Amino acid sequence: MTTFEDLAEDGIPVQLPSGATYYTITHAEAEYLRDRIERYLSDNHFVNVSDMQEIDRLITLETLVHRWTMWISKGRNYYDEDVNIKVHSDMVQDASREIRQMKKALGLDKPSRDKVRGDDSIASLWEHLIQRAREFGYMRNEQYVKTITSFQRLKALVTFHDNADEIERKENACEVDDILEVLRQEIAEFDKIDEAFRHEQQKLWIRSQ
């Protein structure tokens, strides 16, 4: 007499990701297998048929581990027969080791998932590029504003210089040397924008690479 009411003698067919059919022994196993299939396919993107076949192997092996673990916990199999705890524990350990290797090869282990979600992912690199372009644009805009402001100031000084006599130029500090000094000041202020950008932004970019 079995203790598992959902036992199906003819097996329950479940379609695997590759299209192949796998037969489970119980309805509970079938539900477990379908849940694993749905999760693997919804959480990941596979297009290569060989990857799909590896997923088949991975999922069916996980189903076997699920079965053996249940047997170990109850001390009996689906047919109400005693099970060798040591043998089945070794089977679970060996299968679990193979599962970990398969997940690593498919990029499904946690380090691989973290790497894809982290700084090495395409999405992260693209986001960094956008952010850097945005910051560079801010710097260029600041330089543009400074250029226009400096030009207008120098234009006013040159215009006054050309329209004034020697006395007016001297009294208003608008001689050639004065204009050159203002030009040097404007150049220095313009250079500070680029200097600040290179030390505050670009240095962080290089450090993060």
Protein backbone atom coordinates (compact mmCIF):
# COMPACT_ATOMS: atom_id res chain seq x y z
CA MET A 1 0.00 0.00 0.00
CA THR A 2 1.46 3.33 -1.07
CA THR A 3 1.51 6.42 1.13
CA PHE A 4 1.46 8.68 -1.95
CA GLU A 5 -2.10 9.04 -3.18
CA ASP A 6 -1.15 10.77 -6.43
CA LEU A 7 1.01 7.89 -7.69
CA ALA A 8 0.51 7.31 -11.42
CA GLU A 9 1.54 3.88 -12.63
CA ASP A 10 1.74 4.86 -16.30
CA GLY A 11 3.64 8.07 -15.56
CA ILE A 12 2.59 11.67 -16.18
CA PRO A 13 3.98 13.28 -19.35
CA VAL A 14 5.53 16.73 -19.00
CA GLN A 15 6.92 18.64 -21.97
CA LEU A 16 10.46 19.89 -21.38
CA PRO A 17 11.89 23.19 -22.75
CA SER A 18 13.49 21.44 -25.75
CA GLY A 19 10.17 19.84 -26.67
CA ALA A 20 11.07 16.39 -25.35
CA THR A 21 8.71 14.55 -22.99
CA TYR A 22 9.59 13.44 -19.49
CA TYR A 23 7.37 11.14 -17.41
CA THR A 24 7.06 11.76 -13.71
CA ILE A 25 5.81 9.17 -11.24
CA THR A 26 3.42 11.37 -9.27
CA HIS A 27 1.19 14.38 -9.94
CA ALA A 28 3.14 16.27 -7.27
CA GLU A 29 6.35 15.62 -9.20
CA ALA A 30 4.69 16.81 -12.40
CA GLU A 31 3.66 20.06 -10.70
CA TYR A 32 7.17 20.50 -9.31
CA LEU A 33 8.69 19.92 -12.76
CA ARG A 34 6.30 22.32 -14.50
CA ASP A 35 7.06 24.98 -11.90
CA ARG A 36 10.83 24.59 -12.47
CA ILE A 37 10.35 24.82 -16.25
CA GLU A 38 8.27 27.98 -15.94
CA ARG A 39 10.74 29.64 -13.60
CA TYR A 40 13.84 28.83 -15.65
CA LEU A 41 12.26 30.03 -18.88
CA SER A 42 10.74 33.20 -17.39
CA ASP A 43 13.83 34.24 -15.42
CA ASN A 44 16.31 33.53 -18.22
CA HIS A 45 16.60 33.84 -21.98
CA PHE A 46 17.67 30.79 -23.97
CA VAL A 47 17.54 30.46 -27.75
CA ASN A 48 20.16 27.82 -28.54
CA VAL A 49 18.79 24.27 -28.80
CA SER A 50 21.82 22.85 -26.99
CA ASP A 51 21.11 25.20 -24.07
CA MET A 52 17.51 23.98 -24.03
CA GLN A 53 18.72 20.39 -23.88
CA GLU A 54 21.00 21.27 -20.98
CA ILE A 55 18.05 22.88 -19.22
CA ASP A 56 16.16 19.60 -19.79
CA ARG A 57 18.94 17.69 -18.06
CA LEU A 58 19.18 20.24 -15.26
CA ILE A 59 15.47 20.27 -14.51
CA THR A 60 15.01 16.51 -14.65
CA LEU A 61 18.03 16.03 -12.39
CA GLU A 62 16.56 18.54 -9.92
CA THR A 63 13.30 16.57 -10.04
CA LEU A 64 15.18 13.39 -9.16
CA VAL A 65 16.88 15.15 -6.25
CA HIS A 66 13.44 16.37 -5.14
CA ARG A 67 12.17 12.76 -5.30
CA TRP A 68 15.12 11.23 -3.46
CA THR A 69 15.08 13.92 -0.78
CA MET A 70 11.42 13.19 -0.12
CA TRP A 71 12.14 9.49 0.12
CA ILE A 72 14.98 10.13 2.56
CA SER A 73 12.78 12.33 4.73
CA LYS A 74 10.08 9.63 4.92
CA GLY A 75 12.42 6.65 4.92
CA ARG A 76 10.26 5.01 2.27
CA ASN A 77 9.74 5.33 -1.48
CA TYR A 78 6.56 5.86 -3.49
CA TYR A 79 5.80 2.14 -3.28
CA ASP A 80 5.98 2.10 0.52
CA GLU A 81 9.29 0.27 0.45
CA ASP A 82 12.20 0.98 2.76
CA VAL A 83 15.00 3.05 1.20
CA ASN A 84 18.69 2.96 1.95
CA ILE A 85 19.27 6.40 3.49
CA LYS A 86 23.04 6.28 2.96
CA VAL A 87 22.79 5.29 -0.70
CA HIS A 88 20.16 7.86 -1.52
CA SER A 89 22.01 10.59 0.41
CA ASP A 90 25.11 9.89 -1.70
CA MET A 91 22.94 10.03 -4.84
CA VAL A 92 21.57 13.43 -3.78
CA GLN A 93 25.07 14.72 -3.02
CA ASP A 94 26.45 13.58 -6.40
CA ALA A 95 23.46 14.96 -8.30
CA SER A 96 23.65 18.28 -6.43
CA ARG A 97 27.31 18.60 -7.39
CA GLU A 98 26.45 18.00 -11.05
CA ILE A 99 23.59 20.50 -10.83
CA ARG A 100 25.94 23.19 -9.54
CA GLN A 101 28.36 22.53 -12.40
CA MET A 102 25.56 22.68 -14.96
CA LYS A 103 24.22 25.93 -13.54
CA LYS A 104 27.69 27.45 -13.65
CA ALA A 105 28.15 26.37 -17.28
CA LEU A 106 24.78 27.89 -18.21
CA GLY A 107 25.45 31.10 -16.25
CA LEU A 108 22.65 30.35 -13.78
CA ASP A 109 24.71 30.28 -10.59
CA LYS A 110 24.61 33.29 -8.26
CA PRO A 111 28.07 34.72 -9.15
CA SER A 112 27.12 34.68 -12.84
CA ARG A 113 23.75 36.28 -12.18
CA ASP A 114 25.34 38.96 -10.00
CA LYS A 115 27.89 39.69 -12.71
CA VAL A 116 25.16 40.10 -15.33
CA ARG A 117 23.22 42.43 -13.08
CA GLY A 118 26.33 44.27 -11.96
CA ASP A 119 28.92 46.59 -13.48
CA ASP A 120 29.85 44.14 -16.24
CA SER A 121 26.36 43.90 -17.69
CA ILE A 122 25.50 45.58 -21.00
CA ALA A 123 22.70 47.50 -19.31
CA SER A 124 25.04 48.81 -16.62
CA LEU A 125 27.75 49.77 -19.12
CA TRP A 126 25.19 51.55 -21.29
CA GLU A 127 23.82 53.42 -18.27
CA HIS A 128 27.35 54.50 -17.33
CA LEU A 129 27.99 55.75 -20.85
CA ILE A 130 24.77 57.77 -20.79
CA GLN A 131 25.65 59.25 -17.40
CA ARG A 132 29.14 60.20 -18.57
CA ALA A 133 27.80 61.76 -21.75
CA ARG A 134 25.32 63.73 -19.66
CA GLU A 135 28.06 64.99 -17.33
CA PHE A 136 30.28 65.87 -20.28
CA GLY A 137 27.37 67.78 -21.79
CA TYR A 138 26.94 69.75 -18.57
CA MET A 139 30.62 70.71 -18.67
CA ARG A 140 30.40 71.76 -22.34
CA ASN A 141 27.33 73.85 -21.59
CA GLU A 142 29.16 75.59 -18.75
CA GLN A 143 32.08 76.30 -21.09
CA TYR A 144 29.71 77.68 -23.70
CA VAL A 145 28.10 80.05 -21.22
CA LYS A 146 31.52 81.16 -20.00
CA THR A 147 32.72 81.75 -23.58
CA ILE A 148 29.76 83.97 -24.44
CA THR A 149 30.06 85.90 -21.17
CA SER A 150 33.80 86.44 -21.64
CA PHE A 151 33.35 87.49 -25.25
CA GLN A 152 30.72 90.08 -24.33
CA ARG A 153 32.95 91.50 -21.59
CA LEU A 154 35.96 91.75 -23.93
CA LYS A 155 33.81 93.17 -26.70
CA ALA A 156 32.63 95.96 -24.39
CA LEU A 157 36.19 96.76 -23.34
CA VAL A 158 37.47 96.85 -26.94
CA THR A 159 34.53 99.01 -28.03
CA PHE A 160 35.16 101.47 -25.20
CA HIS A 161 38.89 101.47 -25.98
CA ASP A 162 38.27 102.31 -29.63
CA ASN A 163 35.81 105.11 -28.85
CA ALA A 164 37.77 106.72 -25.97
CA ASP A 165 40.76 109.00 -25.94
CA GLU A 166 44.00 108.36 -24.07
CA ILE A 167 42.83 110.05 -20.85
CA GLU A 168 39.50 108.15 -20.79
CA ARG A 169 41.24 104.87 -21.40
CA LYS A 170 43.67 105.47 -18.56
CA GLU A 171 40.98 106.69 -16.13
CA ASN A 172 38.74 103.66 -16.86
CA ALA A 173 41.54 101.06 -16.92
CA CYS A 174 40.85 100.28 -20.55
CA GLU A 175 44.28 100.46 -22.10
CA VAL A 176 45.69 97.58 -24.16
CA ASP A 177 47.51 96.13 -21.18
CA ASP A 178 44.30 96.28 -19.13
CA ILE A 179 42.36 94.46 -21.83
CA LEU A 180 45.07 91.80 -22.08
CA GLU A 181 44.92 91.31 -18.31
CA VAL A 182 41.14 90.81 -18.48
CA LEU A 183 41.66 88.32 -21.32
CA ARG A 184 44.13 86.36 -19.20
CA GLN A 185 41.62 86.30 -16.32
CA GLU A 186 38.87 85.00 -18.59
CA ILE A 187 41.16 82.31 -20.01
CA ALA A 188 42.12 81.21 -16.50
CA GLU A 189 38.46 80.97 -15.45
CA PHE A 190 37.63 79.02 -18.61
CA ASP A 191 40.49 76.59 -17.90
CA LYS A 192 39.19 76.05 -14.35
CA ILE A 193 36.01 74.51 -15.77
CA ASP A 194 37.99 71.90 -17.70
CA GLU A 195 40.38 71.34 -14.78
CA ALA A 196 37.53 70.74 -12.35
CA PHE A 197 35.85 68.33 -14.76
CA ARG A 198 39.00 66.27 -15.27
CA HIS A 199 39.78 66.04 -11.55
CA GLU A 200 36.25 65.60 -10.20
CA GLN A 201 34.51 63.57 -12.92
CA GLN A 202 36.99 61.91 -15.24
CA LYS A 203 39.15 60.76 -12.34
CA LEU A 204 36.12 58.94 -10.92
CA TRP A 205 35.45 57.34 -14.31
CA ILE A 206 39.01 55.99 -14.51
CA ARG A 207 38.87 54.75 -10.91
CA SER A 208 35.65 52.82 -11.59
CA GLN A 209 37.07 51.03 -14.65
